Amino acid sequence: MNCRDACGACCIAPSITSPIPGMPDGKPAGVPCVQLGKDMRCKIFGQPERPDFCAGLQPSVEMCGENRGQAIAWLSELETLTAPGSQAGRRGEST
């Protein structure tokens, strides 16, 4: 599967904790990355300075859904579920 034209959901919805060129502290969830171009494509795609997190996100039917809105919703939910302190993040912890 290829990225959807003019989507950019993976450059907006998730938080990124590693440095990004122009965002040395990463970016919070819901904030567009400074490397997201006007065409809604990553300007550093395939470049060594692209964070490993970004390179690890691969388009899939589950993640991308049928449209940009569904992709944003899925990635936002994943962000919530994996946030430190979330119920999902605490599964498996000892009590």
PDB file of N, CA and C in Angstrom:
ATOM      1  N   MET A   1       0.850  -1.184   0.000  1.00  0.00           N
ATOM      2  CA  MET A   1       0.000   0.000   0.000  1.00  0.00           C
ATOM      3  C   MET A   1       0.891   1.240   0.000  1.00  0.00           C
ATOM      4  N   ASN A   2       0.489   2.261  -0.733  1.00  0.00           N
ATOM      5  CA  ASN A   2       1.210   3.527  -0.771  1.00  0.00           C
ATOM      6  C   ASN A   2       0.466   4.575   0.053  1.00  0.00           C
ATOM      7  N   CYS A   3       1.172   5.636   0.420  1.00  0.00           N
ATOM      8  CA  CYS A   3       0.545   6.740   1.143  1.00  0.00           C
ATOM      9  C   CYS A   3      -0.542   7.379   0.283  1.00  0.00           C
ATOM     10  N   ARG A   4      -1.594   7.810   0.943  1.00  0.00           N
ATOM     11  CA  ARG A   4      -2.686   8.515   0.269  1.00  0.00           C
ATOM     12  C   ARG A   4      -2.230   9.929  -0.064  1.00  0.00           C
ATOM     13  N   ASP A   5      -2.526  10.388  -1.249  1.00  0.00           N
ATOM     14  CA  ASP A   5      -2.193  11.766  -1.630  1.00  0.00           C
ATOM     15  C   ASP A   5      -2.855  12.748  -0.673  1.00  0.00           C
ATOM     16  N   ALA A   6      -2.132  13.796  -0.330  1.00  0.00           N
ATOM     17  CA  ALA A   6      -2.635  14.909   0.485  1.00  0.00           C
ATOM     18  C   ALA A   6      -3.199  14.457   1.829  1.00  0.00           C
ATOM     19  N   CYS A   7      -2.585  13.461   2.452  1.00  0.00           N
ATOM     20  CA  CYS A   7      -3.072  12.976   3.750  1.00  0.00           C
ATOM     21  C   CYS A   7      -2.287  13.608   4.897  1.00  0.00           C
ATOM     22  N   GLY A   8      -1.067  13.162   5.122  1.00  0.00           N
ATOM     23  CA  GLY A   8      -0.224  13.712   6.181  1.00  0.00           C
ATOM     24  C   GLY A   8      -0.633  13.336   7.593  1.00  0.00           C
ATOM     25  N   ALA A   9      -1.573  12.400   7.751  1.00  0.00           N
ATOM     26  CA  ALA A   9      -2.047  12.030   9.088  1.00  0.00           C
ATOM     27  C   ALA A   9      -0.916  11.569   9.993  1.00  0.00           C
ATOM     28  N   CYS A  10       0.027  10.810   9.459  1.00  0.00           N
ATOM     29  CA  CYS A  10       1.123  10.292  10.285  1.00  0.00           C
ATOM     30  C   CYS A  10       2.124  11.376  10.660  1.00  0.00           C
ATOM     31  N   CYS A  11       2.031  12.535  10.027  1.00  0.00           N
ATOM     32  CA  CYS A  11       2.894  13.677  10.353  1.00  0.00           C
ATOM     33  C   CYS A  11       2.191  14.673  11.281  1.00  0.00           C
ATOM     34  N   ILE A  12       0.965  14.357  11.647  1.00  0.00           N
ATOM     35  CA  ILE A  12       0.174  15.252  12.500  1.00  0.00           C
ATOM     36  C   ILE A  12      -0.259  14.555  13.785  1.00  0.00           C
ATOM     37  N   ALA A  13      -0.916  13.411  13.679  1.00  0.00           N
ATOM     38  CA  ALA A  13      -1.567  12.781  14.831  1.00  0.00           C
ATOM     39  C   ALA A  13      -0.621  12.314  15.932  1.00  0.00           C
ATOM     40  N   PRO A  14       0.439  11.566  15.622  1.00  0.00           N
ATOM     41  CA  PRO A  14       1.249  11.037  16.725  1.00  0.00           C
ATOM     42  C   PRO A  14       2.246  12.041  17.293  1.00  0.00           C
ATOM     43  N   SER A  15       2.603  11.817  18.548  1.00  0.00           N
ATOM     44  CA  SER A  15       3.716  12.566  19.122  1.00  0.00           C
ATOM     45  C   SER A  15       5.001  11.898  18.664  1.00  0.00           C
ATOM     46  N   ILE A  16       6.059  12.684  18.565  1.00  0.00           N
ATOM     47  CA  ILE A  16       7.374  12.158  18.198  1.00  0.00           C
ATOM     48  C   ILE A  16       8.344  12.712  19.229  1.00  0.00           C
ATOM     49  N   THR A  17       9.013  11.826  19.946  1.00  0.00           N
ATOM     50  CA  THR A  17       9.875  12.269  21.040  1.00  0.00           C
ATOM     51  C   THR A  17      11.319  12.468  20.628  1.00  0.00           C
ATOM     52  N   SER A  18      11.687  12.005  19.454  1.00  0.00           N
ATOM     53  CA  SER A  18      13.068  12.190  18.998  1.00  0.00           C
ATOM     54  C   SER A  18      13.184  13.479  18.188  1.00  0.00           C
ATOM     55  N   PRO A  19      14.402  14.005  18.069  1.00  0.00           N
ATOM     56  CA  PRO A  19      14.589  15.248  17.319  1.00  0.00           C
ATOM     57  C   PRO A  19      14.202  15.103  15.846  1.00  0.00           C
ATOM     58  N   ILE A  20      13.656  16.179  15.329  1.00  0.00           N
ATOM     59  CA  ILE A  20      13.294  16.301  13.921  1.00  0.00           C
ATOM     60  C   ILE A  20      13.969  17.590  13.459  1.00  0.00           C
ATOM     61  N   PRO A  21      14.542  17.633  12.262  1.00  0.00           N
ATOM     62  CA  PRO A  21      15.107  18.902  11.805  1.00  0.00           C
ATOM     63  C   PRO A  21      14.062  20.023  11.895  1.00  0.00           C
ATOM     64  N   GLY A  22      14.385  21.056  12.653  1.00  0.00           N
ATOM     65  CA  GLY A  22      13.452  22.158  12.874  1.00  0.00           C
ATOM     66  C   GLY A  22      12.606  21.996  14.126  1.00  0.00           C
ATOM     67  N   MET A  23      12.642  20.817  14.730  1.00  0.00           N
ATOM     68  CA  MET A  23      11.905  20.528  15.972  1.00  0.00           C
ATOM     69  C   MET A  23      12.825  19.683  16.854  1.00  0.00           C
ATOM     70  N   PRO A  24      13.826  20.296  17.467  1.00  0.00           N
ATOM     71  CA  PRO A  24      14.838  19.530  18.198  1.00  0.00           C
ATOM     72  C   PRO A  24      14.299  18.730  19.385  1.00  0.00           C
ATOM     73  N   ASP A  25      13.138  19.103  19.893  1.00  0.00           N
ATOM     74  CA  ASP A  25      12.537  18.375  21.011  1.00  0.00           C
ATOM     75  C   ASP A  25      11.428  17.439  20.566  1.00  0.00           C
ATOM     76  N   GLY A  26      11.324  17.190  19.267  1.00  0.00           N
ATOM     77  CA  GLY A  26      10.230  16.375  18.756  1.00  0.00           C
ATOM     78  C   GLY A  26       8.977  17.211  18.618  1.00  0.00           C
ATOM     79  N   LYS A  27       7.820  16.542  18.594  1.00  0.00           N
ATOM     80  CA  LYS A  27       6.557  17.267  18.454  1.00  0.00           C
ATOM     81  C   LYS A  27       5.455  16.593  19.255  1.00  0.00           C
ATOM     82  N   PRO A  28       4.533  17.380  19.781  1.00  0.00           N
ATOM     83  CA  PRO A  28       3.401  16.793  20.491  1.00  0.00           C
ATOM     84  C   PRO A  28       2.362  16.235  19.517  1.00  0.00           C
ATOM     85  N   ALA A  29       1.525  15.349  20.020  1.00  0.00           N
ATOM     86  CA  ALA A  29       0.432  14.790  19.231  1.00  0.00           C
ATOM     87  C   ALA A  29      -0.490  15.907  18.755  1.00  0.00           C
ATOM     88  N   GLY A  30      -0.967  15.776  17.533  1.00  0.00           N
ATOM     89  CA  GLY A  30      -1.922  16.729  16.984  1.00  0.00           C
ATOM     90  C   GLY A  30      -1.298  17.970  16.374  1.00  0.00           C
ATOM     91  N   VAL A  31       0.015  18.107  16.469  1.00  0.00           N
ATOM     92  CA  VAL A  31       0.722  19.264  15.915  1.00  0.00           C
ATOM     93  C   VAL A  31       1.401  18.824  14.620  1.00  0.00           C
ATOM     94  N   PRO A  32       1.174  19.532  13.523  1.00  0.00           N
ATOM     95  CA  PRO A  32       1.849  19.152  12.278  1.00  0.00           C
ATOM     96  C   PRO A  32       3.366  19.297  12.405  1.00  0.00           C
ATOM     97  N   CYS A  33       4.078  18.341  11.871  1.00  0.00           N
ATOM     98  CA  CYS A  33       5.539  18.389  11.835  1.00  0.00           C
ATOM     99  C   CYS A  33       5.973  19.507  10.896  1.00  0.00           C
ATOM    100  N   VAL A  34       7.053  20.187  11.246  1.00  0.00           N
ATOM    101  CA  VAL A  34       7.564  21.251  10.373  1.00  0.00           C
ATOM    102  C   VAL A  34       8.064  20.695   9.044  1.00  0.00           C
ATOM    103  N   GLN A  35       8.300  19.412   8.981  1.00  0.00           N
ATOM    104  CA  GLN A  35       8.765  18.786   7.741  1.00  0.00           C
ATOM    105  C   GLN A  35       7.613  18.314   6.850  1.00  0.00           C
ATOM    106  N   LEU A  36       6.386  18.599   7.243  1.00  0.00           N
ATOM    107  CA  LEU A  36       5.220  18.271   6.426  1.00  0.00           C
ATOM    108  C   LEU A  36       5.038  19.382   5.404  1.00  0.00           C
ATOM    109  N   GLY A  37       5.185  19.043   4.132  1.00  0.00           N
ATOM    110  CA  GLY A  37       5.095  20.037   3.071  1.00  0.00           C
ATOM    111  C   GLY A  37       3.663  20.455   2.771  1.00  0.00           C
ATOM    112  N   LYS A  38       3.523  21.491   1.978  1.00  0.00           N
ATOM    113  CA  LYS A  38       2.196  21.972   1.579  1.00  0.00           C
ATOM    114  C   LYS A  38       1.432  20.914   0.808  1.00  0.00           C
ATOM    115  N   ASP A  39       2.157  19.990   0.193  1.00  0.00           N
ATOM    116  CA  ASP A  39       1.521  18.886  -0.537  1.00  0.00           C
ATOM    117  C   ASP A  39       1.132  17.744   0.404  1.00  0.00           C
ATOM    118  N   MET A  40       1.314  17.966   1.718  1.00  0.00           N
ATOM    119  CA  MET A  40       0.999  16.995   2.767  1.00  0.00           C
ATOM    120  C   MET A  40       1.862  15.732   2.656  1.00  0.00           C
ATOM    121  N   ARG A  41       3.089  15.922   2.228  1.00  0.00           N
ATOM    122  CA  ARG A  41       4.075  14.845   2.153  1.00  0.00           C
ATOM    123  C   ARG A  41       5.290  15.243   2.996  1.00  0.00           C
ATOM    124  N   CYS A  42       5.993  14.235   3.511  1.00  0.00           N
ATOM    125  CA  CYS A  42       7.184  14.471   4.322  1.00  0.00           C
ATOM    126  C   CYS A  42       8.321  14.985   3.446  1.00  0.00           C
ATOM    127  N   LYS A  43       8.891  16.122   3.842  1.00  0.00           N
ATOM    128  CA  LYS A  43       9.994  16.712   3.085  1.00  0.00           C
ATOM    129  C   LYS A  43      11.314  15.974   3.308  1.00  0.00           C
ATOM    130  N   ILE A  44      11.402  15.149   4.361  1.00  0.00           N
ATOM    131  CA  ILE A  44      12.643  14.421   4.631  1.00  0.00           C
ATOM    132  C   ILE A  44      12.450  12.912   4.488  1.00  0.00           C
ATOM    133  N   PHE A  45      11.416  12.505   3.780  1.00  0.00           N
ATOM    134  CA  PHE A  45      11.152  11.084   3.554  1.00  0.00           C
ATOM    135  C   PHE A  45      12.380  10.442   2.905  1.00  0.00           C
ATOM    136  N   GLY A  46      12.820   9.330   3.481  1.00  0.00           N
ATOM    137  CA  GLY A  46      13.963   8.616   2.940  1.00  0.00           C
ATOM    138  C   GLY A  46      15.317   9.207   3.284  1.00  0.00           C
ATOM    139  N   GLN A  47      15.336  10.301   4.033  1.00  0.00           N
ATOM    140  CA  GLN A  47      16.589  10.946   4.413  1.00  0.00           C
ATOM    141  C   GLN A  47      17.052  10.400   5.773  1.00  0.00           C
ATOM    142  N   PRO A  48      18.364  10.398   6.025  1.00  0.00           N
ATOM    143  CA  PRO A  48      18.865   9.854   7.295  1.00  0.00           C
ATOM    144  C   PRO A  48      18.408  10.634   8.521  1.00  0.00           C
ATOM    145  N   GLU A  49      18.076  11.908   8.368  1.00  0.00           N
ATOM    146  CA  GLU A  49      17.633  12.692   9.528  1.00  0.00           C
ATOM    147  C   GLU A  49      16.162  12.456   9.894  1.00  0.00           C
ATOM    148  N   ARG A  50      15.465  11.682   9.093  1.00  0.00           N
ATOM    149  CA  ARG A  50      14.076  11.344   9.413  1.00  0.00           C
ATOM    150  C   ARG A  50      14.077  10.427  10.639  1.00  0.00           C
ATOM    151  N   PRO A  51      13.263  10.728  11.654  1.00  0.00           N
ATOM    152  CA  PRO A  51      13.251   9.899  12.869  1.00  0.00           C
ATOM    153  C   PRO A  51      12.879   8.443  12.581  1.00  0.00           C
ATOM    154  N   ASP A  52      13.481   7.546  13.348  1.00  0.00           N
ATOM    155  CA  ASP A  52      13.176   6.118  13.208  1.00  0.00           C
ATOM    156  C   ASP A  52      11.693   5.851  13.397  1.00  0.00           C
ATOM    157  N   PHE A  53      11.058   6.583  14.319  1.00  0.00           N
ATOM    158  CA  PHE A  53       9.622   6.412  14.545  1.00  0.00           C
ATOM    159  C   PHE A  53       8.859   6.598  13.237  1.00  0.00           C
ATOM    160  N   CYS A  54       9.200   7.642  12.507  1.00  0.00           N
ATOM    161  CA  CYS A  54       8.501   7.951  11.252  1.00  0.00           C
ATOM    162  C   CYS A  54       8.739   6.852  10.222  1.00  0.00           C
ATOM    163  N   ALA A  55       9.980   6.410  10.121  1.00  0.00           N
ATOM    164  CA  ALA A  55      10.313   5.364   9.164  1.00  0.00           C
ATOM    165  C   ALA A  55       9.582   4.069   9.492  1.00  0.00           C
ATOM    166  N   GLY A  56       9.275   3.870  10.770  1.00  0.00           N
ATOM    167  CA  GLY A  56       8.572   2.667  11.197  1.00  0.00           C
ATOM    168  C   GLY A  56       7.089   2.665  10.867  1.00  0.00           C
ATOM    169  N   LEU A  57       6.528   3.838  10.623  1.00  0.00           N
ATOM    170  CA  LEU A  57       5.114   3.897  10.255  1.00  0.00           C
ATOM    171  C   LEU A  57       4.970   3.550   8.783  1.00  0.00           C
ATOM    172  N   GLN A  58       4.348   2.441   8.507  1.00  0.00           N
ATOM    173  CA  GLN A  58       4.143   2.001   7.135  1.00  0.00           C
ATOM    174  C   GLN A  58       2.647   2.040   6.830  1.00  0.00           C
ATOM    175  N   PRO A  59       2.265   2.585   5.685  1.00  0.00           N
ATOM    176  CA  PRO A  59       0.846   2.643   5.365  1.00  0.00           C
ATOM    177  C   PRO A  59       0.223   1.252   5.339  1.00  0.00           C
ATOM    178  N   SER A  60      -0.966   1.166   5.914  1.00  0.00           N
ATOM    179  CA  SER A  60      -1.712  -0.095   5.923  1.00  0.00           C
ATOM    180  C   SER A  60      -3.194   0.236   5.879  1.00  0.00           C
ATOM    181  N   VAL A  61      -3.985  -0.732   5.465  1.00  0.00           N
ATOM    182  CA  VAL A  61      -5.429  -0.531   5.402  1.00  0.00           C
ATOM    183  C   VAL A  61      -5.961  -0.167   6.781  1.00  0.00           C
ATOM    184  N   GLU A  62      -5.462  -0.849   7.820  1.00  0.00           N
ATOM    185  CA  GLU A  62      -5.932  -0.590   9.185  1.00  0.00           C
ATOM    186  C   GLU A  62      -5.610   0.839   9.616  1.00  0.00           C
ATOM    187  N   MET A  63      -4.358   1.267   9.411  1.00  0.00           N
ATOM    188  CA  MET A  63      -3.938   2.588   9.866  1.00  0.00           C
ATOM    189  C   MET A  63      -4.553   3.699   9.016  1.00  0.00           C
ATOM    190  N   CYS A  64      -4.566   3.529   7.723  1.00  0.00           N
ATOM    191  CA  CYS A  64      -4.968   4.614   6.830  1.00  0.00           C
ATOM    192  C   CYS A  64      -6.474   4.713   6.624  1.00  0.00           C
ATOM    193  N   GLY A  65      -7.190   3.627   6.847  1.00  0.00           N
ATOM    194  CA  GLY A  65      -8.640   3.657   6.652  1.00  0.00           C
ATOM    195  C   GLY A  65      -9.002   4.008   5.222  1.00  0.00           C
ATOM    196  N   GLU A  66     -10.187   4.576   5.076  1.00  0.00           N
ATOM    197  CA  GLU A  66     -10.671   4.926   3.744  1.00  0.00           C
ATOM    198  C   GLU A  66     -10.434   6.381   3.387  1.00  0.00           C
ATOM    199  N   ASN A  67     -10.017   7.191   4.378  1.00  0.00           N
ATOM    200  CA  ASN A  67      -9.786   8.608   4.101  1.00  0.00           C
ATOM    201  C   ASN A  67      -8.889   9.202   5.187  1.00  0.00           C
ATOM    202  N   ARG A  68      -8.484  10.431   4.977  1.00  0.00           N
ATOM    203  CA  ARG A  68      -7.582  11.122   5.915  1.00  0.00           C
ATOM    204  C   ARG A  68      -8.175  11.204   7.320  1.00  0.00           C
ATOM    205  N   GLY A  69      -9.458  11.480   7.422  1.00  0.00           N
ATOM    206  CA  GLY A  69     -10.111  11.578   8.729  1.00  0.00           C
ATOM    207  C   GLY A  69     -10.017  10.285   9.512  1.00  0.00           C
ATOM    208  N   GLN A  70     -10.209   9.159   8.842  1.00  0.00           N
ATOM    209  CA  GLN A  70     -10.096   7.872   9.514  1.00  0.00           C
ATOM    210  C   GLN A  70      -8.656   7.609   9.953  1.00  0.00           C
ATOM    211  N   ALA A  71      -7.699   8.003   9.127  1.00  0.00           N
ATOM    212  CA  ALA A  71      -6.286   7.822   9.489  1.00  0.00           C
ATOM    213  C   ALA A  71      -5.932   8.651  10.716  1.00  0.00           C
ATOM    214  N   ILE A  72      -6.372   9.901  10.751  1.00  0.00           N
ATOM    215  CA  ILE A  72      -6.121  10.768  11.922  1.00  0.00           C
ATOM    216  C   ILE A  72      -6.757  10.149  13.168  1.00  0.00           C
ATOM    217  N   ALA A  73      -7.996   9.662  13.040  1.00  0.00           N
ATOM    218  CA  ALA A  73      -8.696   9.073  14.191  1.00  0.00           C
ATOM    219  C   ALA A  73      -7.962   7.830  14.695  1.00  0.00           C
ATOM    220  N   TRP A  74      -7.526   6.960  13.797  1.00  0.00           N
ATOM    221  CA  TRP A  74      -6.850   5.723  14.197  1.00  0.00           C
ATOM    222  C   TRP A  74      -5.535   6.034  14.887  1.00  0.00           C
ATOM    223  N   LEU A  75      -4.749   6.921  14.289  1.00  0.00           N
ATOM    224  CA  LEU A  75      -3.460   7.284  14.879  1.00  0.00           C
ATOM    225  C   LEU A  75      -3.634   8.029  16.199  1.00  0.00           C
ATOM    226  N   SER A  76      -4.652   8.847  16.311  1.00  0.00           N
ATOM    227  CA  SER A  76      -4.919   9.564  17.564  1.00  0.00           C
ATOM    228  C   SER A  76      -5.308   8.589  18.663  1.00  0.00           C
ATOM    229  N   GLU A  77      -6.109   7.590  18.327  1.00  0.00           N
ATOM    230  CA  GLU A  77      -6.488   6.581  19.317  1.00  0.00           C
ATOM    231  C   GLU A  77      -5.259   5.777  19.750  1.00  0.00           C
ATOM    232  N   LEU A  78      -4.414   5.414  18.798  1.00  0.00           N
ATOM    233  CA  LEU A  78      -3.184   4.694  19.133  1.00  0.00           C
ATOM    234  C   LEU A  78      -2.306   5.535  20.053  1.00  0.00           C
ATOM    235  N   GLU A  79      -2.222   6.822  19.776  1.00  0.00           N
ATOM    236  CA  GLU A  79      -1.453   7.739  20.626  1.00  0.00           C
ATOM    237  C   GLU A  79      -1.997   7.712  22.055  1.00  0.00           C
ATOM    238  N   THR A  80      -3.303   7.777  22.201  1.00  0.00           N
ATOM    239  CA  THR A  80      -3.940   7.760  23.524  1.00  0.00           C
ATOM    240  C   THR A  80      -3.682   6.440  24.242  1.00  0.00           C
ATOM    241  N   LEU A  81      -3.826   5.344  23.515  1.00  0.00           N
ATOM    242  CA  LEU A  81      -3.664   4.024  24.119  1.00  0.00           C
ATOM    243  C   LEU A  81      -2.225   3.729  24.541  1.00  0.00           C
ATOM    244  N   THR A  82      -1.267   4.350  23.883  1.00  0.00           N
ATOM    245  CA  THR A  82       0.137   4.067  24.194  1.00  0.00           C
ATOM    246  C   THR A  82       0.796   5.157  25.028  1.00  0.00           C
ATOM    247  N   ALA A  83       0.044   6.172  25.405  1.00  0.00           N
ATOM    248  CA  ALA A  83       0.595   7.257  26.220  1.00  0.00           C
ATOM    249  C   ALA A  83       0.970   6.736  27.603  1.00  0.00           C
ATOM    250  N   PRO A  84       2.075   7.237  28.160  1.00  0.00           N
ATOM    251  CA  PRO A  84       2.426   6.844  29.529  1.00  0.00           C
ATOM    252  C   PRO A  84       1.253   7.111  30.475  1.00  0.00           C
ATOM    253  N   GLY A  85       0.961   6.124  31.305  1.00  0.00           N
ATOM    254  CA  GLY A  85      -0.119   6.285  32.266  1.00  0.00           C
ATOM    255  C   GLY A  85      -1.472   5.836  31.763  1.00  0.00           C
ATOM    256  N   SER A  86      -1.580   5.504  30.457  1.00  0.00           N
ATOM    257  CA  SER A  86      -2.881   5.038  29.953  1.00  0.00           C
ATOM    258  C   SER A  86      -3.156   3.643  30.483  1.00  0.00           C
ATOM    259  N   GLN A  87      -4.418   3.268  30.525  1.00  0.00           N
ATOM    260  CA  GLN A  87      -4.785   1.934  30.980  1.00  0.00           C
ATOM    261  C   GLN A  87      -4.109   0.873  30.133  1.00  0.00           C
ATOM    262  N   ALA A  88      -4.076   1.072  28.806  1.00  0.00           N
ATOM    263  CA  ALA A  88      -3.442   0.096  27.926  1.00  0.00           C
ATOM    264  C   ALA A  88      -1.946   0.034  28.194  1.00  0.00           C
ATOM    265  N   GLY A  89      -1.338   1.176  28.480  1.00  0.00           N
ATOM    266  CA  GLY A  89       0.084   1.225  28.754  1.00  0.00           C
ATOM    267  C   GLY A  89       0.449   0.577  30.071  1.00  0.00           C
ATOM    268  N   ARG A  90      -0.542   0.449  30.980  1.00  0.00           N
ATOM    269  CA  ARG A  90      -0.268  -0.132  32.305  1.00  0.00           C
ATOM    270  C   ARG A  90      -0.563  -1.625  32.347  1.00  0.00           C
ATOM    271  N   ARG A  91      -1.137  -2.186  31.276  1.00  0.00           N
ATOM    272  CA  ARG A  91      -1.403  -3.620  31.284  1.00  0.00           C
ATOM    273  C   ARG A  91      -0.092  -4.364  31.475  1.00  0.00           C
ATOM    274  N   GLY A  92      -0.143  -5.358  32.283  1.00  0.00           N
ATOM    275  CA  GLY A  92       1.047  -6.161  32.510  1.00  0.00           C
ATOM    276  C   GLY A  92       1.949  -5.639  33.618  1.00  0.00           C
ATOM    277  N   GLU A  93       1.621  -4.469  34.179  1.00  0.00           N
ATOM    278  CA  GLU A  93       2.423  -3.950  35.290  1.00  0.00           C
ATOM    279  C   GLU A  93       2.132  -4.737  36.553  1.00  0.00           C
ATOM    280  N   SER A  94       3.114  -4.864  37.371  1.00  0.00           N
ATOM    281  CA  SER A  94       2.900  -5.509  38.663  1.00  0.00           C
ATOM    282  C   SER A  94       2.188  -4.547  39.598  1.00  0.00           C
ATOM    283  N   THR A  95       1.355  -5.094  40.451  1.00  0.00           N
ATOM    284  CA  THR A  95       0.663  -4.249  41.436  1.00  0.00           C
ATOM    285  C   THR A  95       1.182  -4.515  42.824  1.00  0.00           C
TER     286      THR A  95
END
